[in-house]
Amino acid sequence: MVFGNKYDNQIRCNQIWAVSIPFGMLSREQEKKVVDKVFSHLYTPYGLRSLSPEDPEFKPNYGGSLWNRDNAYHQGTVWAFPLGGYYLAYLKVHNYSKEARFKVIKDMDQLKSTLREGCVGQIAEIFDGKNPTGSQGCFAQAWSVSELLRALKAAEKDSLIERT
């Protein structure tokens, strides 16, 4: 069943913020469903897609003319900064278990290669939605770095997990 207009039912990364905060309006079961939905439709190792690839409005590549770039910006482009919110939500719905913390730290290791692109030690703003392997947009985005550091700190907190 579809409610409202077609845009009301789009799967976008904004919903992860409702789960990532320590307090919330959703039940734990609802929060888990949001995390699972975001993972299955939006998650990439470099960030979250701004729109599900299954949506007819999805734009797989960021590039070309200003019109094409603007058209793709929020229609599938992968953003690095919401990945921090995703990891915080993932930790929360898995009760900050040792297994969940280990998974977050392990998944974050996949970002190491991006730290050598553009500006060394930084993470880019965005990546293509279909194949997010090369950085796009701003090559040194503070909120990309800070959100991931915030999630890493939460994953390492009170943890005996060793970084390799």
Protein backbone atom coordinates (compact mmCIF):
# COMPACT_ATOMS: atom_id res chain seq x y z
CA MET A 1 0.00 0.00 0.00
CA VAL A 2 1.32 3.44 -0.95
CA PHE A 3 0.45 6.43 1.21
CA GLY A 4 0.46 10.06 0.07
CA ASN A 5 2.48 10.90 -3.01
CA LYS A 6 5.36 8.88 -4.43
CA TYR A 7 7.94 10.93 -2.53
CA ASP A 8 6.48 9.94 0.85
CA ASN A 9 7.59 6.35 0.25
CA GLN A 10 11.14 6.94 -0.93
CA ILE A 11 13.91 5.25 1.02
CA ARG A 12 16.39 7.94 2.05
CA CYS A 13 19.21 8.10 4.56
CA ASN A 14 17.60 10.84 6.69
CA GLN A 15 15.70 8.20 8.64
CA ILE A 16 18.89 6.91 10.27
CA TRP A 17 19.11 10.05 12.44
CA ALA A 18 15.86 9.05 14.19
CA VAL A 19 17.60 5.90 15.41
CA SER A 20 21.13 7.20 16.02
CA ILE A 21 20.16 9.54 18.85
CA PRO A 22 20.29 8.14 22.41
CA PHE A 23 16.60 8.90 23.01
CA GLY A 24 13.97 8.17 20.44
CA MET A 25 10.35 7.95 19.45
CA LEU A 26 10.55 4.49 17.91
CA SER A 27 10.40 1.14 19.64
CA ARG A 28 13.53 -0.99 19.55
CA GLU A 29 11.85 -3.26 16.98
CA GLN A 30 11.06 -0.25 14.74
CA GLU A 31 14.62 1.04 15.16
CA LYS A 32 16.03 -2.33 14.09
CA LYS A 33 13.77 -2.30 11.01
CA VAL A 34 15.08 1.15 10.06
CA VAL A 35 18.70 0.01 10.43
CA ASP A 36 18.01 -3.12 8.38
CA LYS A 37 16.20 -1.13 5.66
CA VAL A 38 18.99 1.45 5.46
CA PHE A 39 21.57 -1.32 5.24
CA SER A 40 19.75 -3.24 2.50
CA HIS A 41 18.97 -0.19 0.33
CA LEU A 42 21.45 2.57 1.13
CA TYR A 43 24.61 1.24 2.80
CA THR A 44 27.96 1.21 1.02
CA PRO A 45 31.39 0.96 2.67
CA TYR A 46 31.97 4.65 1.79
CA GLY A 47 28.70 6.12 2.99
CA LEU A 48 24.94 6.00 2.62
CA ARG A 49 23.13 6.57 -0.64
CA SER A 50 20.75 9.51 -0.56
CA LEU A 51 18.11 7.43 -2.36
CA SER A 52 17.52 3.72 -2.90
CA PRO A 53 18.81 2.32 -6.22
CA GLU A 54 15.38 0.69 -6.60
CA ASP A 55 13.70 4.10 -6.84
CA PRO A 56 12.91 5.31 -10.38
CA GLU A 57 14.37 8.74 -9.43
CA PHE A 58 17.77 7.18 -8.57
CA LYS A 59 20.77 8.75 -10.31
CA PRO A 60 23.72 6.32 -10.30
CA ASN A 61 26.51 8.78 -11.14
CA TYR A 62 27.56 12.19 -9.94
CA GLY A 63 29.28 14.09 -12.74
CA GLY A 64 28.96 15.96 -15.99
CA SER A 65 27.35 19.36 -16.32
CA LEU A 66 26.24 21.45 -13.37
CA TRP A 67 22.64 20.40 -14.14
CA ASN A 68 23.57 16.68 -14.06
CA ARG A 69 25.55 17.05 -10.84
CA ASP A 70 22.79 19.02 -9.12
CA ASN A 71 20.23 16.49 -10.35
CA ALA A 72 22.21 13.59 -8.85
CA TYR A 73 23.25 15.26 -5.58
CA HIS A 74 20.31 14.02 -3.48
CA GLN A 75 19.01 11.32 -5.80
CA GLY A 76 21.40 8.48 -5.05
CA THR A 77 24.80 10.05 -4.49
CA VAL A 78 26.66 8.42 -1.60
CA TRP A 79 27.39 10.76 1.30
CA ALA A 80 30.11 9.78 3.79
CA PHE A 81 28.85 11.74 6.81
CA PRO A 82 25.58 9.79 7.42
CA LEU A 83 27.65 6.63 7.79
CA GLY A 84 28.53 7.84 11.30
CA GLY A 85 24.83 8.00 12.16
CA TYR A 86 24.30 4.56 10.66
CA TYR A 87 27.08 3.05 12.78
CA LEU A 88 25.72 4.72 15.93
CA ALA A 89 22.26 3.35 15.15
CA TYR A 90 23.71 -0.10 14.44
CA LEU A 91 25.51 -0.09 17.80
CA LYS A 92 22.36 1.06 19.58
CA VAL A 93 20.03 -1.61 18.16
CA HIS A 94 22.65 -4.27 18.93
CA ASN A 95 23.02 -3.03 22.52
CA TYR A 96 26.65 -1.98 21.97
CA SER A 97 27.62 -5.64 22.10
CA LYS A 98 31.23 -6.65 21.58
CA GLU A 99 30.24 -8.23 18.24
CA ALA A 100 28.53 -5.02 17.07
CA ARG A 101 31.50 -2.87 18.10
CA PHE A 102 33.90 -5.22 16.32
CA LYS A 103 31.77 -5.14 13.15
CA VAL A 104 31.66 -1.33 13.10
CA ILE A 105 35.42 -1.08 13.57
CA LYS A 106 36.04 -3.71 10.91
CA ASP A 107 33.65 -2.02 8.45
CA MET A 108 35.34 1.34 9.05
CA ASP A 109 38.68 -0.15 8.05
CA GLN A 110 37.36 -0.21 4.48
CA LEU A 111 37.55 3.59 4.48
CA LYS A 112 41.33 3.64 4.92
CA SER A 113 41.91 3.84 1.18
CA THR A 114 39.89 7.07 0.97
CA LEU A 115 42.25 8.73 3.44
CA ARG A 116 44.90 8.78 0.72
CA GLU A 117 42.73 10.48 -1.92
CA GLY A 118 42.49 14.23 -2.45
CA CYS A 119 43.74 15.61 0.85
CA VAL A 120 45.69 13.05 2.90
CA GLY A 121 43.94 12.10 6.14
CA GLN A 122 40.56 13.41 5.02
CA ILE A 123 37.37 11.79 3.76
CA ALA A 124 35.56 13.17 0.74
CA GLU A 125 32.10 14.63 0.74
CA ILE A 126 30.44 12.26 -1.73
CA PHE A 127 30.84 9.23 -4.02
CA ASP A 128 28.88 7.88 -7.00
CA GLY A 129 25.67 6.09 -6.02
CA LYS A 130 26.11 3.00 -8.17
CA ASN A 131 29.82 2.29 -7.78
CA PRO A 132 31.16 4.39 -4.89
CA THR A 133 34.87 3.72 -5.25
CA GLY A 134 36.22 7.11 -6.32
CA SER A 135 35.59 10.27 -4.35
CA GLN A 136 33.59 13.18 -5.74
CA GLY A 137 32.70 16.66 -4.57
CA CYS A 138 34.77 18.30 -1.87
CA PHE A 139 37.90 16.20 -1.25
CA ALA A 140 38.21 17.16 2.44
CA GLN A 141 34.86 17.26 4.23
CA ALA A 142 34.99 17.95 7.98
CA TRP A 143 31.59 16.47 8.75
CA SER A 144 32.54 13.23 6.98
CA VAL A 145 35.59 12.88 9.22
CA SER A 146 33.90 14.04 12.43
CA GLU A 147 30.84 11.80 12.16
CA LEU A 148 32.97 8.75 11.52
CA LEU A 149 35.31 9.62 14.40
CA ARG A 150 32.27 10.01 16.67
CA ALA A 151 31.05 6.55 15.68
CA LEU A 152 34.52 5.05 16.06
CA LYS A 153 34.80 6.51 19.56
CA ALA A 154 31.45 4.93 20.48
CA ALA A 155 32.55 1.57 19.05
CA GLU A 156 35.83 1.64 20.96
CA LYS A 157 34.34 2.90 24.24
CA ASP A 158 34.83 0.52 27.15
CA SER A 159 36.06 -2.01 24.64
CA LEU A 160 38.90 -4.47 24.66
CA ILE A 161 38.75 -4.52 20.87
CA GLU A 162 42.16 -3.98 19.35
CA ARG A 163 42.49 -2.06 16.10
CA THR A 164 44.57 -3.92 13.56
